[in-house]
Amino acid sequence: MKVTDIRTIAKDMGIKNASKMKKNDLIHSIQLTEGNSDCYGISWRHQCGQQDCRWRQDCLAE
């Protein structure tokens, strides 16, 4: 997903300063706002069991 699309999602969710955040920080903020752990791109991501995560494909490609 492109950073501009991620910023739009973040802004729609009411996340402040989304236009100034880097991709990982944006996604982490979105994950926390959704009530999930902010696990995008962490070292154990290949063992992640959250199959329905909207960031899964992008996260595993990192």
N, C-alpha and C. Protein backbone atom coordinates (compact mmCIF):
# COMPACT_ATOMS: atom_id res chain seq x y z
N MET A 1 0.85 -1.17 0.00
CA MET A 1 0.00 0.00 0.00
C MET A 1 0.89 1.23 0.00
N LYS A 2 0.50 2.22 -0.73
CA LYS A 2 1.28 3.45 -0.83
C LYS A 2 1.10 4.30 0.43
N VAL A 3 2.13 5.07 0.75
CA VAL A 3 2.11 5.91 1.94
C VAL A 3 0.97 6.91 1.88
N THR A 4 0.66 7.43 0.70
CA THR A 4 -0.45 8.38 0.59
C THR A 4 -1.78 7.73 0.97
N ASP A 5 -1.96 6.47 0.61
CA ASP A 5 -3.17 5.74 0.98
C ASP A 5 -3.22 5.50 2.48
N ILE A 6 -2.07 5.18 3.06
CA ILE A 6 -1.99 4.94 4.50
C ILE A 6 -2.29 6.22 5.26
N ARG A 7 -1.76 7.34 4.76
CA ARG A 7 -2.04 8.64 5.40
C ARG A 7 -3.53 8.96 5.37
N THR A 8 -4.18 8.63 4.27
CA THR A 8 -5.62 8.87 4.17
C THR A 8 -6.38 8.05 5.20
N ILE A 9 -6.01 6.80 5.36
CA ILE A 9 -6.64 5.94 6.37
C ILE A 9 -6.43 6.54 7.75
N ALA A 10 -5.20 6.95 8.03
CA ALA A 10 -4.87 7.51 9.34
C ALA A 10 -5.67 8.79 9.61
N LYS A 11 -5.74 9.67 8.62
CA LYS A 11 -6.51 10.91 8.78
C LYS A 11 -7.98 10.62 9.01
N ASP A 12 -8.53 9.66 8.26
CA ASP A 12 -9.93 9.28 8.42
C ASP A 12 -10.21 8.72 9.82
N MET A 13 -9.19 8.15 10.44
CA MET A 13 -9.33 7.59 11.78
C MET A 13 -9.08 8.64 12.87
N GLY A 14 -8.73 9.86 12.44
CA GLY A 14 -8.50 10.93 13.40
C GLY A 14 -7.11 10.97 13.99
N ILE A 15 -6.16 10.32 13.36
CA ILE A 15 -4.79 10.30 13.86
C ILE A 15 -4.12 11.62 13.48
N LYS A 16 -3.63 12.31 14.49
CA LYS A 16 -3.01 13.63 14.28
C LYS A 16 -1.60 13.49 13.73
N ASN A 17 -1.18 14.48 12.99
CA ASN A 17 0.16 14.56 12.40
C ASN A 17 0.45 13.45 11.41
N ALA A 18 -0.57 12.86 10.82
CA ALA A 18 -0.38 11.76 9.87
C ALA A 18 0.45 12.20 8.67
N SER A 19 0.34 13.45 8.28
CA SER A 19 1.07 13.93 7.10
C SER A 19 2.57 14.00 7.35
N LYS A 20 2.99 13.99 8.60
CA LYS A 20 4.41 14.10 8.94
C LYS A 20 5.04 12.77 9.34
N MET A 21 4.23 11.72 9.46
CA MET A 21 4.73 10.43 9.95
C MET A 21 5.31 9.58 8.83
N LYS A 22 6.26 8.74 9.22
CA LYS A 22 6.82 7.76 8.30
C LYS A 22 5.87 6.57 8.23
N LYS A 23 6.04 5.75 7.20
CA LYS A 23 5.14 4.63 6.94
C LYS A 23 4.95 3.73 8.17
N ASN A 24 6.02 3.26 8.75
CA ASN A 24 5.91 2.35 9.90
C ASN A 24 5.17 3.01 11.06
N ASP A 25 5.48 4.27 11.31
CA ASP A 25 4.81 4.98 12.40
C ASP A 25 3.33 5.16 12.13
N LEU A 26 2.98 5.43 10.88
CA LEU A 26 1.58 5.55 10.49
C LEU A 26 0.83 4.26 10.77
N ILE A 27 1.41 3.16 10.29
CA ILE A 27 0.76 1.86 10.46
C ILE A 27 0.66 1.49 11.93
N HIS A 28 1.69 1.75 12.69
CA HIS A 28 1.65 1.47 14.13
C HIS A 28 0.52 2.27 14.79
N SER A 29 0.38 3.53 14.42
CA SER A 29 -0.69 4.36 14.99
C SER A 29 -2.06 3.83 14.62
N ILE A 30 -2.22 3.39 13.38
CA ILE A 30 -3.48 2.83 12.93
C ILE A 30 -3.78 1.54 13.70
N GLN A 31 -2.78 0.69 13.84
CA GLN A 31 -2.97 -0.57 14.56
C GLN A 31 -3.43 -0.31 16.00
N LEU A 32 -2.80 0.64 16.67
CA LEU A 32 -3.17 0.95 18.04
C LEU A 32 -4.58 1.53 18.12
N THR A 33 -4.92 2.39 17.16
CA THR A 33 -6.25 2.98 17.12
C THR A 33 -7.31 1.91 16.90
N GLU A 34 -6.98 0.89 16.14
CA GLU A 34 -7.90 -0.22 15.89
C GLU A 34 -8.01 -1.16 17.08
N GLY A 35 -7.14 -0.98 18.08
CA GLY A 35 -7.16 -1.85 19.25
C GLY A 35 -6.25 -3.06 19.09
N ASN A 36 -5.37 -3.04 18.11
CA ASN A 36 -4.44 -4.14 17.87
C ASN A 36 -3.06 -3.77 18.39
N SER A 37 -2.17 -4.74 18.42
CA SER A 37 -0.79 -4.43 18.80
C SER A 37 -0.10 -3.76 17.61
N ASP A 38 0.84 -2.91 17.93
CA ASP A 38 1.58 -2.19 16.88
C ASP A 38 2.78 -3.02 16.46
N CYS A 39 2.50 -4.08 15.71
CA CYS A 39 3.51 -5.09 15.41
C CYS A 39 4.04 -5.05 13.97
N TYR A 40 3.59 -4.08 13.18
CA TYR A 40 4.03 -4.02 11.78
C TYR A 40 5.56 -3.96 11.68
N GLY A 41 6.13 -4.88 10.94
CA GLY A 41 7.56 -4.86 10.64
C GLY A 41 8.48 -5.32 11.76
N ILE A 42 7.94 -5.85 12.85
CA ILE A 42 8.82 -6.28 13.93
C ILE A 42 9.51 -7.60 13.59
N SER A 43 10.50 -7.93 14.34
CA SER A 43 11.36 -9.07 14.01
C SER A 43 10.63 -10.41 13.94
N TRP A 44 9.61 -10.63 14.73
CA TRP A 44 8.92 -11.92 14.74
C TRP A 44 7.70 -11.95 13.81
N ARG A 45 7.62 -11.01 12.88
CA ARG A 45 6.44 -10.89 12.00
C ARG A 45 6.15 -12.14 11.18
N HIS A 46 7.15 -12.95 10.88
CA HIS A 46 6.93 -14.15 10.08
C HIS A 46 6.23 -15.26 10.88
N GLN A 47 6.17 -15.10 12.20
CA GLN A 47 5.45 -16.05 13.04
C GLN A 47 4.09 -15.50 13.47
N CYS A 48 3.72 -14.36 12.94
CA CYS A 48 2.48 -13.71 13.32
C CYS A 48 1.28 -14.55 12.90
N GLY A 49 0.32 -14.69 13.78
CA GLY A 49 -0.86 -15.49 13.50
C GLY A 49 -2.08 -14.68 13.09
N GLN A 50 -1.93 -13.38 12.92
CA GLN A 50 -3.06 -12.53 12.56
C GLN A 50 -3.26 -12.55 11.05
N GLN A 51 -3.99 -13.57 10.60
CA GLN A 51 -4.20 -13.77 9.16
C GLN A 51 -5.05 -12.69 8.51
N ASP A 52 -5.94 -12.05 9.26
CA ASP A 52 -6.84 -11.06 8.68
C ASP A 52 -6.35 -9.61 8.82
N CYS A 53 -5.12 -9.43 9.20
CA CYS A 53 -4.54 -8.10 9.34
C CYS A 53 -4.43 -7.43 7.97
N ARG A 54 -4.87 -6.19 7.88
CA ARG A 54 -4.82 -5.49 6.60
C ARG A 54 -3.39 -5.19 6.15
N TRP A 55 -2.42 -5.27 7.04
CA TRP A 55 -1.03 -4.96 6.72
C TRP A 55 -0.18 -6.20 6.49
N ARG A 56 -0.75 -7.37 6.64
CA ARG A 56 0.01 -8.63 6.63
C ARG A 56 0.89 -8.79 5.38
N GLN A 57 0.33 -8.64 4.23
CA GLN A 57 1.09 -8.86 2.99
C GLN A 57 2.27 -7.90 2.90
N ASP A 58 2.02 -6.64 3.19
CA ASP A 58 3.07 -5.64 3.13
C ASP A 58 4.11 -5.88 4.22
N CYS A 59 3.66 -6.26 5.40
CA CYS A 59 4.55 -6.49 6.54
C CYS A 59 5.51 -7.65 6.23
N LEU A 60 4.98 -8.74 5.71
CA LEU A 60 5.81 -9.90 5.44
C LEU A 60 6.78 -9.67 4.28
N ALA A 61 6.47 -8.70 3.44
CA ALA A 61 7.35 -8.38 2.31
C ALA A 61 8.52 -7.50 2.72
N GLU A 62 8.43 -6.89 3.91
CA GLU A 62 9.50 -6.00 4.39
C GLU A 62 10.78 -6.77 4.59
